[in-house]
PDB file of N, CA and C in Angstrom:
ATOM      1  N   MET A   1     -87.003 -36.972 200.895  1.00  0.00           N
ATOM      2  CA  MET A   1     -87.544 -36.782 199.711  1.00  0.00           C
ATOM      3  C   MET A   1     -88.893 -37.322 199.740  1.00  0.00           C
ATOM      4  N   ALA A   2     -90.019 -36.737 199.319  1.00  0.00           N
ATOM      5  CA  ALA A   2     -91.293 -37.171 199.380  1.00  0.00           C
ATOM      6  C   ALA A   2     -91.743 -38.111 198.273  1.00  0.00           C
ATOM      7  N   GLY A   3     -92.403 -39.209 198.809  1.00  0.00           N
ATOM      8  CA  GLY A   3     -92.802 -40.190 197.762  1.00  0.00           C
ATOM      9  C   GLY A   3     -94.297 -40.194 197.549  1.00  0.00           C
ATOM     10  N   LYS A   4     -94.914 -41.116 197.240  1.00  0.00           N
ATOM     11  CA  LYS A   4     -96.344 -41.162 197.072  1.00  0.00           C
ATOM     12  C   LYS A   4     -97.184 -40.618 198.173  1.00  0.00           C
ATOM     13  N   ARG A   5     -98.121 -39.742 197.901  1.00  0.00           N
ATOM     14  CA  ARG A   5     -99.058 -39.379 199.011  1.00  0.00           C
ATOM     15  C   ARG A   5     -98.298 -38.385 200.100  1.00  0.00           C
ATOM     16  N   GLY A   6     -97.269 -37.890 199.535  1.00  0.00           N
ATOM     17  CA  GLY A   6     -96.555 -36.836 200.567  1.00  0.00           C
ATOM     18  C   GLY A   6     -95.663 -37.530 201.683  1.00  0.00           C
ATOM     19  N   ARG A   7     -95.493 -38.879 201.625  1.00  0.00           N
ATOM     20  CA  ARG A   7     -94.827 -39.492 202.680  1.00  0.00           C
ATOM     21  C   ARG A   7     -93.388 -39.376 202.470  1.00  0.00           C
ATOM     22  N   MET A   8     -92.523 -39.538 203.353  1.00  0.00           N
ATOM     23  CA  MET A   8     -91.148 -39.379 203.266  1.00  0.00           C
ATOM     24  C   MET A   8     -90.523 -40.934 202.754  1.00  0.00           C
ATOM     25  N   ALA A   9     -89.582 -40.695 201.934  1.00  0.00           N
ATOM     26  CA  ALA A   9     -89.225 -42.065 201.682  1.00  0.00           C
ATOM     27  C   ALA A   9     -88.459 -42.619 202.659  1.00  0.00           C
ATOM     28  N   ARG A  10     -88.603 -43.867 203.078  1.00  0.00           N
ATOM     29  CA  ARG A  10     -87.763 -44.602 203.910  1.00  0.00           C
ATOM     30  C   ARG A  10     -86.477 -45.048 203.585  1.00  0.00           C
ATOM     31  N   GLN A  11     -85.483 -44.797 204.516  1.00  0.00           N
ATOM     32  CA  GLN A  11     -84.144 -45.335 204.207  1.00  0.00           C
ATOM     33  C   GLN A  11     -83.900 -46.598 204.850  1.00  0.00           C
ATOM     34  N   ALA A  12     -83.205 -47.357 204.222  1.00  0.00           N
ATOM     35  CA  ALA A  12     -82.962 -48.753 204.881  1.00  0.00           C
ATOM     36  C   ALA A  12     -82.182 -48.606 206.253  1.00  0.00           C
ATOM     37  N   PRO A  13     -82.581 -49.105 207.339  1.00  0.00           N
ATOM     38  CA  PRO A  13     -81.929 -49.041 208.547  1.00  0.00           C
ATOM     39  C   PRO A  13     -80.524 -49.486 208.411  1.00  0.00           C
ATOM     40  N   ALA A  14     -79.653 -48.826 209.055  1.00  0.00           N
ATOM     41  CA  ALA A  14     -78.143 -49.265 209.112  1.00  0.00           C
ATOM     42  C   ALA A  14     -78.062 -50.597 209.820  1.00  0.00           C
ATOM     43  N   LYS A  15     -77.157 -51.352 209.692  1.00  0.00           N
ATOM     44  CA  LYS A  15     -76.897 -52.648 210.246  1.00  0.00           C
ATOM     45  C   LYS A  15     -76.575 -52.313 211.865  1.00  0.00           C
ATOM     46  N   PRO A  16     -77.202 -53.071 212.725  1.00  0.00           N
ATOM     47  CA  PRO A  16     -77.200 -52.778 214.306  1.00  0.00           C
ATOM     48  C   PRO A  16     -75.806 -52.905 214.551  1.00  0.00           C
ATOM     49  N   LEU A  17     -75.387 -52.048 215.461  1.00  0.00           N
ATOM     50  CA  LEU A  17     -74.058 -52.192 216.184  1.00  0.00           C
ATOM     51  C   LEU A  17     -73.967 -52.599 217.508  1.00  0.00           C
ATOM     52  N   CYS A  18     -73.377 -53.720 217.758  1.00  0.00           N
ATOM     53  CA  CYS A  18     -73.525 -54.185 219.231  1.00  0.00           C
ATOM     54  C   CYS A  18     -72.112 -53.734 219.865  1.00  0.00           C
ATOM     55  N   LEU A  19     -72.060 -53.019 220.907  1.00  0.00           N
ATOM     56  CA  LEU A  19     -70.969 -52.609 221.613  1.00  0.00           C
ATOM     57  C   LEU A  19     -70.399 -53.630 222.604  1.00  0.00           C
ATOM     58  N   LYS A  20     -69.531 -54.519 222.031  1.00  0.00           N
ATOM     59  CA  LYS A  20     -68.921 -55.577 222.944  1.00  0.00           C
ATOM     60  C   LYS A  20     -67.516 -55.220 223.242  1.00  0.00           C
ATOM     61  N   ARG A  21     -67.316 -55.614 224.494  1.00  0.00           N
ATOM     62  CA  ARG A  21     -65.838 -55.332 225.030  1.00  0.00           C
ATOM     63  C   ARG A  21     -65.460 -53.751 224.772  1.00  0.00           C
ATOM     64  N   ARG A  22     -64.576 -53.674 223.847  1.00  0.00           N
ATOM     65  CA  ARG A  22     -63.953 -52.215 223.584  1.00  0.00           C
ATOM     66  C   ARG A  22     -64.240 -51.797 222.282  1.00  0.00           C
ATOM     67  N   HIS A  23     -65.362 -52.491 221.655  1.00  0.00           N
ATOM     68  CA  HIS A  23     -65.660 -51.824 220.125  1.00  0.00           C
ATOM     69  C   HIS A  23     -65.818 -50.504 220.038  1.00  0.00           C
ATOM     70  N   LEU A  24     -65.295 -49.818 219.066  1.00  0.00           N
ATOM     71  CA  LEU A  24     -65.346 -48.382 218.907  1.00  0.00           C
ATOM     72  C   LEU A  24     -66.642 -48.116 217.989  1.00  0.00           C
ATOM     73  N   VAL A  25     -67.245 -46.917 218.118  1.00  0.00           N
ATOM     74  CA  VAL A  25     -68.249 -46.344 217.178  1.00  0.00           C
ATOM     75  C   VAL A  25     -67.236 -45.368 216.549  1.00  0.00           C
ATOM     76  N   THR A  26     -67.105 -45.462 215.400  1.00  0.00           N
ATOM     77  CA  THR A  26     -66.267 -44.658 214.408  1.00  0.00           C
ATOM     78  C   THR A  26     -66.993 -43.923 213.281  1.00  0.00           C
ATOM     79  N   ALA A  27     -66.291 -43.240 212.518  1.00  0.00           N
ATOM     80  CA  ALA A  27     -66.798 -42.387 211.532  1.00  0.00           C
ATOM     81  C   ALA A  27     -67.399 -43.431 210.439  1.00  0.00           C
ATOM     82  N   ASP A  28     -66.893 -44.514 210.260  1.00  0.00           N
ATOM     83  CA  ASP A  28     -67.456 -45.516 209.395  1.00  0.00           C
ATOM     84  C   ASP A  28     -68.842 -46.064 209.953  1.00  0.00           C
ATOM     85  N   ASP A  29     -69.135 -45.929 211.301  1.00  0.00           N
ATOM     86  CA  ASP A  29     -70.600 -46.314 211.869  1.00  0.00           C
ATOM     87  C   ASP A  29     -71.529 -45.117 211.811  1.00  0.00           C
ATOM     88  N   SER A  30     -71.080 -44.003 212.230  1.00  0.00           N
ATOM     89  CA  SER A  30     -71.858 -42.915 212.499  1.00  0.00           C
ATOM     90  C   SER A  30     -71.287 -41.579 211.990  1.00  0.00           C
ATOM     91  N   LYS A  31     -72.233 -40.656 211.557  1.00  0.00           N
ATOM     92  CA  LYS A  31     -71.643 -39.272 211.237  1.00  0.00           C
ATOM     93  C   LYS A  31     -71.420 -38.428 212.206  1.00  0.00           C
ATOM     94  N   TYR A  32     -72.265 -38.603 213.403  1.00  0.00           N
ATOM     95  CA  TYR A  32     -72.348 -37.609 214.370  1.00  0.00           C
ATOM     96  C   TYR A  32     -71.922 -38.037 215.710  1.00  0.00           C
ATOM     97  N   LEU A  33     -71.604 -39.296 215.885  1.00  0.00           N
ATOM     98  CA  LEU A  33     -71.311 -39.996 217.237  1.00  0.00           C
ATOM     99  C   LEU A  33     -70.133 -40.743 217.172  1.00  0.00           C
ATOM    100  N   ARG A  34     -69.450 -40.707 218.300  1.00  0.00           N
ATOM    101  CA  ARG A  34     -68.180 -41.691 218.526  1.00  0.00           C
ATOM    102  C   ARG A  34     -68.369 -42.342 219.971  1.00  0.00           C
ATOM    103  N   GLY A  35     -68.051 -43.295 220.184  1.00  0.00           N
ATOM    104  CA  GLY A  35     -68.120 -43.998 221.517  1.00  0.00           C
ATOM    105  C   GLY A  35     -67.381 -45.214 221.615  1.00  0.00           C
ATOM    106  N   ARG A  36     -67.435 -45.839 222.832  1.00  0.00           N
ATOM    107  CA  ARG A  36     -66.760 -47.121 223.051  1.00  0.00           C
ATOM    108  C   ARG A  36     -67.118 -47.616 224.412  1.00  0.00           C
ATOM    109  N   VAL A  37     -66.927 -48.892 224.587  1.00  0.00           N
ATOM    110  CA  VAL A  37     -67.186 -49.509 226.006  1.00  0.00           C
ATOM    111  C   VAL A  37     -65.769 -49.543 226.581  1.00  0.00           C
ATOM    112  N   GLU A  38     -65.706 -48.860 227.758  1.00  0.00           N
ATOM    113  CA  GLU A  38     -64.419 -48.876 228.518  1.00  0.00           C
ATOM    114  C   GLU A  38     -64.369 -49.750 229.718  1.00  0.00           C
ATOM    115  N   ILE A  39     -63.348 -50.443 229.966  1.00  0.00           N
ATOM    116  CA  ILE A  39     -63.111 -51.401 231.159  1.00  0.00           C
ATOM    117  C   ILE A  39     -61.972 -50.935 231.782  1.00  0.00           C
ATOM    118  N   MET A  40     -62.028 -50.629 233.061  1.00  0.00           N
ATOM    119  CA  MET A  40     -61.011 -50.042 233.993  1.00  0.00           C
ATOM    120  C   MET A  40     -60.847 -51.045 235.298  1.00  0.00           C
ATOM    121  N   LYS A  41     -59.516 -51.248 235.410  1.00  0.00           N
ATOM    122  CA  LYS A  41     -59.149 -51.884 236.696  1.00  0.00           C
ATOM    123  C   LYS A  41     -59.319 -51.055 237.862  1.00  0.00           C
ATOM    124  N   PRO A  42     -59.348 -51.340 239.087  1.00  0.00           N
ATOM    125  CA  PRO A  42     -59.322 -50.467 240.183  1.00  0.00           C
ATOM    126  C   PRO A  42     -57.970 -49.582 239.975  1.00  0.00           C
ATOM    127  N   GLY A  43     -58.091 -48.306 240.333  1.00  0.00           N
ATOM    128  CA  GLY A  43     -57.021 -47.216 240.265  1.00  0.00           C
ATOM    129  C   GLY A  43     -56.897 -46.697 238.898  1.00  0.00           C
ATOM    130  N   GLU A  44     -57.285 -47.380 237.855  1.00  0.00           N
ATOM    131  CA  GLU A  44     -57.292 -46.787 236.543  1.00  0.00           C
ATOM    132  C   GLU A  44     -58.219 -45.498 236.473  1.00  0.00           C
ATOM    133  N   GLU A  45     -57.736 -44.697 235.308  1.00  0.00           N
ATOM    134  CA  GLU A  45     -58.430 -43.384 235.130  1.00  0.00           C
ATOM    135  C   GLU A  45     -58.240 -43.055 233.639  1.00  0.00           C
ATOM    136  N   THR A  46     -59.075 -42.128 233.163  1.00  0.00           N
ATOM    137  CA  THR A  46     -58.884 -41.592 231.766  1.00  0.00           C
ATOM    138  C   THR A  46     -57.895 -40.540 231.738  1.00  0.00           C
ATOM    139  N   GLY A  47     -57.720 -39.903 232.743  1.00  0.00           N
ATOM    140  CA  GLY A  47     -56.898 -38.568 232.786  1.00  0.00           C
ATOM    141  C   GLY A  47     -57.810 -37.502 232.398  1.00  0.00           C
ATOM    142  N   ALA A  48     -57.528 -36.343 233.093  1.00  0.00           N
ATOM    143  CA  ALA A  48     -58.378 -35.111 232.916  1.00  0.00           C
ATOM    144  C   ALA A  48     -58.373 -34.637 231.424  1.00  0.00           C
ATOM    145  N   HIS A  49     -59.502 -34.435 230.968  1.00  0.00           N
ATOM    146  CA  HIS A  49     -59.507 -33.928 229.358  1.00  0.00           C
ATOM    147  C   HIS A  49     -60.889 -33.038 229.368  1.00  0.00           C
ATOM    148  N   LEU A  50     -60.953 -32.244 228.483  1.00  0.00           N
ATOM    149  CA  LEU A  50     -61.934 -31.227 227.859  1.00  0.00           C
ATOM    150  C   LEU A  50     -62.764 -31.845 227.001  1.00  0.00           C
ATOM    151  N   THR A  51     -64.105 -31.520 226.959  1.00  0.00           N
ATOM    152  CA  THR A  51     -65.010 -31.930 225.996  1.00  0.00           C
ATOM    153  C   THR A  51     -65.093 -30.613 225.173  1.00  0.00           C
ATOM    154  N   GLU A  52     -64.057 -30.372 224.387  1.00  0.00           N
ATOM    155  CA  GLU A  52     -63.978 -29.059 223.460  1.00  0.00           C
ATOM    156  C   GLU A  52     -64.961 -29.300 222.328  1.00  0.00           C
ATOM    157  N   GLY A  53     -65.814 -28.499 222.180  1.00  0.00           N
ATOM    158  CA  GLY A  53     -66.899 -28.489 221.276  1.00  0.00           C
ATOM    159  C   GLY A  53     -67.763 -29.724 221.124  1.00  0.00           C
ATOM    160  N   LYS A  54     -67.710 -30.599 222.033  1.00  0.00           N
ATOM    161  CA  LYS A  54     -68.412 -31.881 222.136  1.00  0.00           C
ATOM    162  C   LYS A  54     -69.269 -32.010 223.279  1.00  0.00           C
ATOM    163  N   GLU A  55     -70.222 -32.921 223.219  1.00  0.00           N
ATOM    164  CA  GLU A  55     -70.992 -33.335 224.505  1.00  0.00           C
ATOM    165  C   GLU A  55     -70.791 -34.779 224.545  1.00  0.00           C
ATOM    166  N   GLU A  56     -70.936 -35.312 225.710  1.00  0.00           N
ATOM    167  CA  GLU A  56     -70.679 -36.621 226.099  1.00  0.00           C
ATOM    168  C   GLU A  56     -71.580 -37.207 227.130  1.00  0.00           C
ATOM    169  N   VAL A  57     -71.871 -38.498 226.939  1.00  0.00           N
ATOM    170  CA  VAL A  57     -72.658 -39.269 227.904  1.00  0.00           C
ATOM    171  C   VAL A  57     -72.157 -40.485 228.395  1.00  0.00           C
ATOM    172  N   ILE A  58     -71.888 -40.644 229.756  1.00  0.00           N
ATOM    173  CA  ILE A  58     -71.366 -41.943 230.267  1.00  0.00           C
ATOM    174  C   ILE A  58     -72.335 -42.644 230.952  1.00  0.00           C
ATOM    175  N   ILE A  59     -72.437 -44.000 230.510  1.00  0.00           N
ATOM    176  CA  ILE A  59     -73.572 -44.825 231.125  1.00  0.00           C
ATOM    177  C   ILE A  59     -72.713 -45.995 231.800  1.00  0.00           C
ATOM    178  N   VAL A  60     -72.745 -46.042 233.063  1.00  0.00           N
ATOM    179  CA  VAL A  60     -72.157 -47.065 233.842  1.00  0.00           C
ATOM    180  C   VAL A  60     -72.958 -48.439 233.971  1.00  0.00           C
ATOM    181  N   LEU A  61     -72.111 -49.387 233.296  1.00  0.00           N
ATOM    182  CA  LEU A  61     -72.756 -50.852 233.178  1.00  0.00           C
ATOM    183  C   LEU A  61     -72.464 -51.757 234.458  1.00  0.00           C
ATOM    184  N   GLU A  62     -71.408 -51.481 235.026  1.00  0.00           N
ATOM    185  CA  GLU A  62     -70.785 -52.380 236.027  1.00  0.00           C
ATOM    186  C   GLU A  62     -69.830 -51.474 236.958  1.00  0.00           C
ATOM    187  N   GLY A  63     -70.003 -51.638 238.215  1.00  0.00           N
ATOM    188  CA  GLY A  63     -69.199 -51.001 239.096  1.00  0.00           C
ATOM    189  C   GLY A  63     -69.580 -49.541 239.307  1.00  0.00           C
ATOM    190  N   THR A  64     -68.814 -48.763 239.930  1.00  0.00           N
ATOM    191  CA  THR A  64     -68.984 -47.366 240.233  1.00  0.00           C
ATOM    192  C   THR A  64     -67.789 -46.456 239.707  1.00  0.00           C
ATOM    193  N   ALA A  65     -68.328 -45.400 239.000  1.00  0.00           N
ATOM    194  CA  ALA A  65     -67.270 -44.662 238.382  1.00  0.00           C
ATOM    195  C   ALA A  65     -67.264 -43.275 239.407  1.00  0.00           C
ATOM    196  N   THR A  66     -66.138 -42.962 239.540  1.00  0.00           N
ATOM    197  CA  THR A  66     -65.893 -41.547 240.205  1.00  0.00           C
ATOM    198  C   THR A  66     -65.508 -40.510 239.164  1.00  0.00           C
ATOM    199  N   VAL A  67     -66.271 -39.516 238.946  1.00  0.00           N
ATOM    200  CA  VAL A  67     -66.133 -38.685 237.947  1.00  0.00           C
ATOM    201  C   VAL A  67     -65.782 -37.246 238.457  1.00  0.00           C
ATOM    202  N   TYR A  68     -64.489 -36.776 238.234  1.00  0.00           N
ATOM    203  CA  TYR A  68     -64.188 -35.538 238.582  1.00  0.00           C
ATOM    204  C   TYR A  68     -64.648 -34.474 237.447  1.00  0.00           C
ATOM    205  N   TYR A  69     -65.604 -33.729 237.882  1.00  0.00           N
ATOM    206  CA  TYR A  69     -66.372 -33.038 236.885  1.00  0.00           C
ATOM    207  C   TYR A  69     -66.230 -31.472 237.180  1.00  0.00           C
ATOM    208  N   GLY A  70     -65.329 -30.816 236.545  1.00  0.00           N
ATOM    209  CA  GLY A  70     -65.167 -29.528 236.967  1.00  0.00           C
ATOM    210  C   GLY A  70     -64.439 -29.431 238.393  1.00  0.00           C
ATOM    211  N   ASP A  71     -65.064 -28.679 239.226  1.00  0.00           N
ATOM    212  CA  ASP A  71     -64.651 -28.691 240.630  1.00  0.00           C
ATOM    213  C   ASP A  71     -65.399 -29.819 241.516  1.00  0.00           C
ATOM    214  N   ALA A  72     -66.308 -30.529 240.894  1.00  0.00           N
ATOM    215  CA  ALA A  72     -67.110 -31.476 241.735  1.00  0.00           C
ATOM    216  C   ALA A  72     -66.633 -32.885 241.539  1.00  0.00           C
ATOM    217  N   LYS A  73     -66.860 -33.779 242.520  1.00  0.00           N
ATOM    218  CA  LYS A  73     -66.506 -35.130 242.402  1.00  0.00           C
ATOM    219  C   LYS A  73     -67.859 -35.923 242.527  1.00  0.00           C
ATOM    220  N   LEU A  74     -68.215 -36.706 241.674  1.00  0.00           N
ATOM    221  CA  LEU A  74     -69.446 -37.518 241.584  1.00  0.00           C
ATOM    222  C   LEU A  74     -69.212 -38.988 241.424  1.00  0.00           C
ATOM    223  N   ARG A  75     -70.137 -39.791 242.119  1.00  0.00           N
ATOM    224  CA  ARG A  75     -69.927 -41.240 242.156  1.00  0.00           C
ATOM    225  C   ARG A  75     -71.114 -41.617 241.227  1.00  0.00           C
ATOM    226  N   ILE A  76     -70.885 -42.347 240.195  1.00  0.00           N
ATOM    227  CA  ILE A  76     -71.920 -42.710 239.290  1.00  0.00           C
ATOM    228  C   ILE A  76     -72.038 -44.356 239.319  1.00  0.00           C
ATOM    229  N   ARG A  77     -72.943 -44.915 239.859  1.00  0.00           N
ATOM    230  CA  ARG A  77     -73.006 -46.420 239.959  1.00  0.00           C
ATOM    231  C   ARG A  77     -73.644 -46.966 238.753  1.00  0.00           C
ATOM    232  N   ASN A  78     -73.552 -48.432 238.746  1.00  0.00           N
ATOM    233  CA  ASN A  78     -74.070 -49.217 237.591  1.00  0.00           C
ATOM    234  C   ASN A  78     -75.620 -48.825 237.577  1.00  0.00           C
ATOM    235  N   GLY A  79     -75.882 -48.730 236.173  1.00  0.00           N
ATOM    236  CA  GLY A  79     -77.486 -48.308 235.838  1.00  0.00           C
ATOM    237  C   GLY A  79     -77.643 -46.814 235.818  1.00  0.00           C
ATOM    238  N   TYR A  80     -76.671 -46.091 236.131  1.00  0.00           N
ATOM    239  CA  TYR A  80     -76.918 -44.646 235.892  1.00  0.00           C
ATOM    240  C   TYR A  80     -76.029 -44.038 235.018  1.00  0.00           C
ATOM    241  N   SER A  81     -76.363 -42.745 234.511  1.00  0.00           N
ATOM    242  CA  SER A  81     -75.466 -42.197 233.504  1.00  0.00           C
ATOM    243  C   SER A  81     -75.248 -40.781 233.917  1.00  0.00           C
ATOM    244  N   LEU A  82     -74.404 -40.085 233.153  1.00  0.00           N
ATOM    245  CA  LEU A  82     -73.954 -38.769 233.407  1.00  0.00           C
ATOM    246  C   LEU A  82     -73.773 -37.935 232.045  1.00  0.00           C
ATOM    247  N   PHE A  83     -74.485 -36.747 232.001  1.00  0.00           N
ATOM    248  CA  PHE A  83     -74.190 -35.921 230.850  1.00  0.00           C
ATOM    249  C   PHE A  83     -73.301 -35.082 231.115  1.00  0.00           C
ATOM    250  N   ILE A  84     -72.222 -34.925 230.125  1.00  0.00           N
ATOM    251  CA  ILE A  84     -71.039 -34.074 230.368  1.00  0.00           C
ATOM    252  C   ILE A  84     -71.255 -33.097 229.082  1.00  0.00           C
ATOM    253  N   GLY A  85     -71.538 -31.589 229.533  1.00  0.00           N
ATOM    254  CA  GLY A  85     -71.736 -30.654 228.408  1.00  0.00           C
ATOM    255  C   GLY A  85     -70.424 -30.122 227.851  1.00  0.00           C
ATOM    256  N   GLU A  86     -70.638 -29.392 226.949  1.00  0.00           N
ATOM    257  CA  GLU A  86     -69.381 -28.852 226.080  1.00  0.00           C
ATOM    258  C   GLU A  86     -68.395 -28.019 226.876  1.00  0.00           C
ATOM    259  N   GLY A  87     -67.233 -28.256 226.775  1.00  0.00           N
ATOM    260  CA  GLY A  87     -66.028 -27.563 227.557  1.00  0.00           C
ATOM    261  C   GLY A  87     -66.009 -27.613 228.858  1.00  0.00           C
ATOM    262  N   VAL A  88     -66.243 -28.906 229.379  1.00  0.00           N
ATOM    263  CA  VAL A  88     -66.102 -29.412 230.818  1.00  0.00           C
ATOM    264  C   VAL A  88     -64.930 -30.148 230.943  1.00  0.00           C
ATOM    265  N   LEU A  89     -64.044 -29.764 231.934  1.00  0.00           N
ATOM    266  CA  LEU A  89     -62.827 -30.592 232.292  1.00  0.00           C
ATOM    267  C   LEU A  89     -63.349 -31.734 233.217  1.00  0.00           C
ATOM    268  N   HIS A  90     -63.087 -32.902 232.760  1.00  0.00           N
ATOM    269  CA  HIS A  90     -63.534 -34.094 233.631  1.00  0.00           C
ATOM    270  C   HIS A  90     -62.526 -35.387 233.518  1.00  0.00           C
ATOM    271  N   ASN A  91     -62.547 -36.160 234.480  1.00  0.00           N
ATOM    272  CA  ASN A  91     -61.790 -37.387 234.488  1.00  0.00           C
ATOM    273  C   ASN A  91     -62.555 -38.538 235.169  1.00  0.00           C
ATOM    274  N   VAL A  92     -62.515 -39.583 234.442  1.00  0.00           N
ATOM    275  CA  VAL A  92     -63.368 -40.820 235.120  1.00  0.00           C
ATOM    276  C   VAL A  92     -62.267 -41.870 235.629  1.00  0.00           C
ATOM    277  N   ARG A  93     -62.618 -42.107 236.691  1.00  0.00           N
ATOM    278  CA  ARG A  93     -61.537 -42.988 237.513  1.00  0.00           C
ATOM    279  C   ARG A  93     -62.264 -44.132 238.364  1.00  0.00           C
ATOM    280  N   ASN A  94     -61.693 -45.288 238.342  1.00  0.00           N
ATOM    281  CA  ASN A  94     -62.150 -46.344 239.089  1.00  0.00           C
ATOM    282  C   ASN A  94     -61.426 -46.391 240.423  1.00  0.00           C
ATOM    283  N   GLU A  95     -62.256 -45.763 241.492  1.00  0.00           N
ATOM    284  CA  GLU A  95     -61.814 -45.906 242.905  1.00  0.00           C
ATOM    285  C   GLU A  95     -62.222 -46.994 243.615  1.00  0.00           C
ATOM    286  N   GLY A  96     -62.862 -47.838 242.979  1.00  0.00           N
ATOM    287  CA  GLY A  96     -63.573 -49.164 243.877  1.00  0.00           C
ATOM    288  C   GLY A  96     -62.621 -50.305 243.764  1.00  0.00           C
ATOM    289  N   ARG A  97     -63.113 -51.413 244.167  1.00  0.00           N
ATOM    290  CA  ARG A  97     -62.126 -52.573 244.396  1.00  0.00           C
ATOM    291  C   ARG A  97     -62.518 -53.395 243.320  1.00  0.00           C
ATOM    292  N   SER A  98     -63.366 -53.437 242.401  1.00  0.00           N
ATOM    293  CA  SER A  98     -63.811 -54.232 241.349  1.00  0.00           C
ATOM    294  C   SER A  98     -63.684 -53.546 239.976  1.00  0.00           C
ATOM    295  N   ARG A  99     -63.741 -54.251 239.041  1.00  0.00           N
ATOM    296  CA  ARG A  99     -63.704 -53.589 237.722  1.00  0.00           C
ATOM    297  C   ARG A  99     -64.949 -52.626 237.339  1.00  0.00           C
ATOM    298  N   LEU A 100     -64.484 -51.682 236.664  1.00  0.00           N
ATOM    299  CA  LEU A 100     -65.540 -50.513 236.076  1.00  0.00           C
ATOM    300  C   LEU A 100     -65.763 -50.761 234.689  1.00  0.00           C
ATOM    301  N   ARG A 101     -67.068 -50.968 234.232  1.00  0.00           N
ATOM    302  CA  ARG A 101     -67.315 -50.904 232.790  1.00  0.00           C
ATOM    303  C   ARG A 101     -68.301 -49.997 232.533  1.00  0.00           C
ATOM    304  N   TYR A 102     -67.996 -49.221 231.508  1.00  0.00           N
ATOM    305  CA  TYR A 102     -68.984 -48.046 231.271  1.00  0.00           C
ATOM    306  C   TYR A 102     -68.914 -47.845 229.633  1.00  0.00           C
ATOM    307  N   VAL A 103     -69.881 -47.208 229.140  1.00  0.00           N
ATOM    308  CA  VAL A 103     -70.024 -46.929 227.736  1.00  0.00           C
ATOM    309  C   VAL A 103     -69.941 -45.244 227.783  1.00  0.00           C
ATOM    310  N   TYR A 104     -69.099 -44.822 226.793  1.00  0.00           N
ATOM    311  CA  TYR A 104     -69.248 -43.389 226.558  1.00  0.00           C
ATOM    312  C   TYR A 104     -69.688 -43.100 225.165  1.00  0.00           C
ATOM    313  N   VAL A 105     -70.516 -42.128 224.918  1.00  0.00           N
ATOM    314  CA  VAL A 105     -70.845 -41.635 223.629  1.00  0.00           C
ATOM    315  C   VAL A 105     -70.749 -40.205 223.656  1.00  0.00           C
ATOM    316  N   ARG A 106     -70.045 -39.666 222.448  1.00  0.00           N
ATOM    317  CA  ARG A 106     -69.931 -38.270 222.520  1.00  0.00           C
ATOM    318  C   ARG A 106     -70.190 -37.734 220.954  1.00  0.00           C
ATOM    319  N   SER A 107     -70.423 -36.539 221.047  1.00  0.00           N
ATOM    320  CA  SER A 107     -70.807 -35.894 219.551  1.00  0.00           C
ATOM    321  C   SER A 107     -69.503 -35.641 218.935  1.00  0.00           C
ATOM    322  N   THR A 108     -69.711 -35.385 217.627  1.00  0.00           N
ATOM    323  CA  THR A 108     -68.390 -35.017 216.879  1.00  0.00           C
ATOM    324  C   THR A 108     -68.447 -33.611 216.762  1.00  0.00           C
ATOM    325  N   VAL A 109     -67.273 -32.993 216.198  1.00  0.00           N
ATOM    326  CA  VAL A 109     -67.259 -31.591 216.029  1.00  0.00           C
ATOM    327  C   VAL A 109     -67.006 -31.393 214.444  1.00  0.00           C
ATOM    328  N   PRO A 110     -67.580 -30.372 213.855  1.00  0.00           N
ATOM    329  CA  PRO A 110     -67.183 -30.182 212.331  1.00  0.00           C
ATOM    330  C   PRO A 110     -65.719 -30.326 212.042  1.00  0.00           C
ATOM    331  N   GLY A 111     -65.584 -30.950 210.845  1.00  0.00           N
ATOM    332  CA  GLY A 111     -64.140 -31.021 210.435  1.00  0.00           C
ATOM    333  C   GLY A 111     -63.243 -32.098 211.391  1.00  0.00           C
ATOM    334  N   GLU A 112     -63.917 -32.900 212.310  1.00  0.00           N
ATOM    335  CA  GLU A 112     -63.084 -33.812 212.809  1.00  0.00           C
ATOM    336  C   GLU A 112     -62.733 -34.939 212.029  1.00  0.00           C
ATOM    337  N   LYS A 113     -61.536 -35.420 212.245  1.00  0.00           N
ATOM    338  CA  LYS A 113     -60.760 -36.406 211.410  1.00  0.00           C
ATOM    339  C   LYS A 113     -61.665 -37.806 211.629  1.00  0.00           C
ATOM    340  N   ARG A 114     -61.358 -38.705 210.614  1.00  0.00           N
ATOM    341  CA  ARG A 114     -62.126 -40.067 210.583  1.00  0.00           C
ATOM    342  C   ARG A 114     -61.752 -40.926 211.774  1.00  0.00           C
ATOM    343  N   HIS A 115     -60.530 -40.702 212.219  1.00  0.00           N
ATOM    344  CA  HIS A 115     -60.052 -41.669 213.239  1.00  0.00           C
ATOM    345  C   HIS A 115     -60.798 -41.456 214.633  1.00  0.00           C
ATOM    346  N   HIS A 116     -60.702 -42.422 215.324  1.00  0.00           N
ATOM    347  CA  HIS A 116     -61.342 -42.186 216.823  1.00  0.00           C
ATOM    348  C   HIS A 116     -60.680 -41.230 217.697  1.00  0.00           C
TER     349      HIS A 116
END
């Protein structure tokens, strides 16, 4: 909405959301994004799943993630990220000897329920 002199009215910024441990970004936090910090012990994995109608970014904070991405096997180490496009079958696995800590952020789909 335009204010004086054609400027856009500023909206108060939302309260910052700090992702600690396994905090979720839910519908109460964001209209279009969901996410969380994941911590995996060696040998743990998410299980293969599709990004049906969604896009996802994985950002590795600690350790190395082995990501089975379609037919490919990728190793993503701390400080790096991976974009996963819509409709891609993928699985994140900790094949290392130490813990894996990463953030995933994904888009929502129209009509998505309010739970995570």
